[in-house]
Protein backbone atom coordinates (compact mmCIF):
# COMPACT_ATOMS: atom_id res chain seq x y z
CA UNK A 1 92.42 84.15 117.58
CA UNK A 2 94.68 87.03 118.67
CA UNK A 3 94.93 90.41 116.88
CA UNK A 4 97.97 89.42 114.80
CA UNK A 5 96.23 86.29 113.56
CA UNK A 6 93.10 88.32 112.71
CA UNK A 7 95.15 90.84 110.70
CA UNK A 8 97.02 88.02 108.91
CA UNK A 9 93.72 86.35 108.03
CA UNK A 10 92.33 89.65 106.70
CA UNK A 11 95.45 90.14 104.53
CA UNK A 12 95.20 86.54 103.28
CA UNK A 13 91.71 87.34 101.93
CA UNK A 14 93.39 89.70 99.42
CA UNK A 15 95.71 87.10 97.90
CA UNK A 16 95.09 86.11 94.29
CA UNK A 17 92.47 88.82 93.75
CA UNK A 18 92.41 91.89 91.54
CA UNK A 19 92.49 94.89 93.86
CA UNK A 20 91.82 98.60 93.55
CA UNK A 21 94.22 99.82 96.23
CA UNK A 22 92.49 103.12 96.92
CA UNK A 23 89.28 101.25 97.77
CA UNK A 24 91.02 99.24 100.53
CA UNK A 25 91.37 102.17 102.97
CA UNK A 26 88.63 104.70 103.69
CA UNK A 27 88.81 108.37 104.60
CA UNK A 28 88.04 109.24 108.21
CA UNK A 29 87.23 112.83 109.21
CA UNK A 30 90.02 114.63 111.04
CA UNK A 31 92.50 111.76 111.13
CA UNK A 32 94.79 109.31 109.34
CA UNK A 33 93.72 105.72 108.66
CA UNK A 34 95.96 102.85 107.57
CA UNK A 35 95.76 99.27 106.38
CA UNK A 36 98.78 96.99 106.06
CA UNK A 37 98.29 94.62 103.14
CA UNK A 38 101.73 92.91 103.16
CA UNK A 39 103.89 92.38 106.25
CA UNK A 40 107.05 90.30 105.98
CA UNK A 41 110.52 90.38 107.53
CA UNK A 42 111.79 91.69 104.18
CA UNK A 43 109.32 94.59 104.05
CA UNK A 44 105.76 95.82 104.10
CA UNK A 45 103.11 97.54 102.00
CA UNK A 46 100.72 99.84 103.84
CA UNK A 47 97.85 101.95 102.52
CA UNK A 48 97.04 105.26 104.20
CA UNK A 49 94.25 107.82 103.97
CA UNK A 50 94.74 111.36 105.27
CA UNK A 51 92.03 113.93 105.85
CA UNK A 52 92.84 117.46 104.59
CA UNK A 53 95.58 119.15 106.63
CA UNK A 54 96.60 115.90 108.34
CA UNK A 55 100.15 114.71 107.86
CA UNK A 56 103.30 113.07 109.17
CA UNK A 57 105.86 115.22 110.96
CA UNK A 58 109.47 115.22 109.88
CA UNK A 59 111.26 111.94 110.61
CA UNK A 60 113.81 109.54 109.16
CA UNK A 61 113.69 105.82 108.45
CA UNK A 62 116.57 103.35 108.23
CA UNK A 63 115.40 102.08 104.81
CA UNK A 64 114.32 103.61 101.51
CA UNK A 65 110.56 104.11 101.32
CA UNK A 66 108.53 104.29 98.11
CA UNK A 67 105.33 106.36 98.25
CA UNK A 68 102.68 106.40 95.50
CA UNK A 69 99.71 108.76 95.67
CA UNK A 70 96.49 106.83 94.98
CA UNK A 71 93.97 109.67 95.33
CA UNK A 72 93.99 113.40 96.10
CA UNK A 73 97.03 115.63 96.64
CA UNK A 74 99.72 116.39 99.20
CA UNK A 75 103.01 118.14 99.75
CA UNK A 76 106.11 116.20 100.74
CA UNK A 77 109.41 117.45 102.07
CA UNK A 78 112.56 115.44 101.45
CA UNK A 79 115.92 116.69 102.65
CA UNK A 80 114.69 120.30 102.65
CA UNK A 81 113.02 120.22 99.21
CA UNK A 82 109.23 120.54 98.83
CA UNK A 83 107.32 118.57 96.18
CA UNK A 84 103.63 118.86 95.27
CA UNK A 85 102.22 115.41 94.54
CA UNK A 86 98.94 114.15 93.10
CA UNK A 87 97.28 110.89 92.12
CA UNK A 88 99.67 108.69 90.14
CA UNK A 89 102.87 110.39 91.40
CA UNK A 90 105.59 108.36 93.13
CA UNK A 91 108.60 109.40 95.19
CA UNK A 92 111.35 107.47 96.96
CA UNK A 93 112.35 108.75 100.39
CA UNK A 94 116.03 107.85 100.82
CA UNK A 95 117.09 106.05 103.98
CA UNK A 96 118.20 108.33 106.83
CA UNK A 97 117.08 111.55 105.03
CA UNK A 98 114.49 113.67 106.89
CA UNK A 99 111.08 113.68 105.24
CA UNK A 100 107.49 114.72 106.04
CA UNK A 101 104.14 115.13 104.31
CA UNK A 102 100.92 117.09 104.59
CA UNK A 103 97.54 116.67 102.89
CA UNK A 104 96.51 119.61 100.70
CA UNK A 105 93.28 117.70 99.96
CA UNK A 106 92.12 114.42 101.46
CA UNK A 107 94.51 111.91 99.92
CA UNK A 108 95.45 108.24 99.90
CA UNK A 109 98.88 106.72 99.45
CA UNK A 110 100.69 103.41 99.30
CA UNK A 111 103.91 103.08 101.31
CA UNK A 112 106.35 100.31 100.34
CA UNK A 113 109.18 99.62 102.77
CA UNK A 114 111.90 97.15 101.78
CA UNK A 115 114.26 96.18 104.58
CA UNK A 116 117.82 95.04 104.02
């Protein structure tokens, strides 16, 4: 079984079950961890955990991206505007608009990307 098949099998184990999303990705000291739970041609859902002061540098994406904070707190920058976010908050990063984020505490998020 190759790596793609292993990841697909691991995702299949989640189907039809009640999930607590923030329990599906663990914090790791000094880094960012991720776990893709849905991966289709039409889009993906990925869970991330960030240690304090970790982040993603400014970038753009060709599609809108929905981010929901599952645990902790962070700052996000979208098109030059800064937003403080905490557990339960959601933001949509518009396609082709520069955005970035930084952990003010260890935090977890869900990223939903829908492709056209």
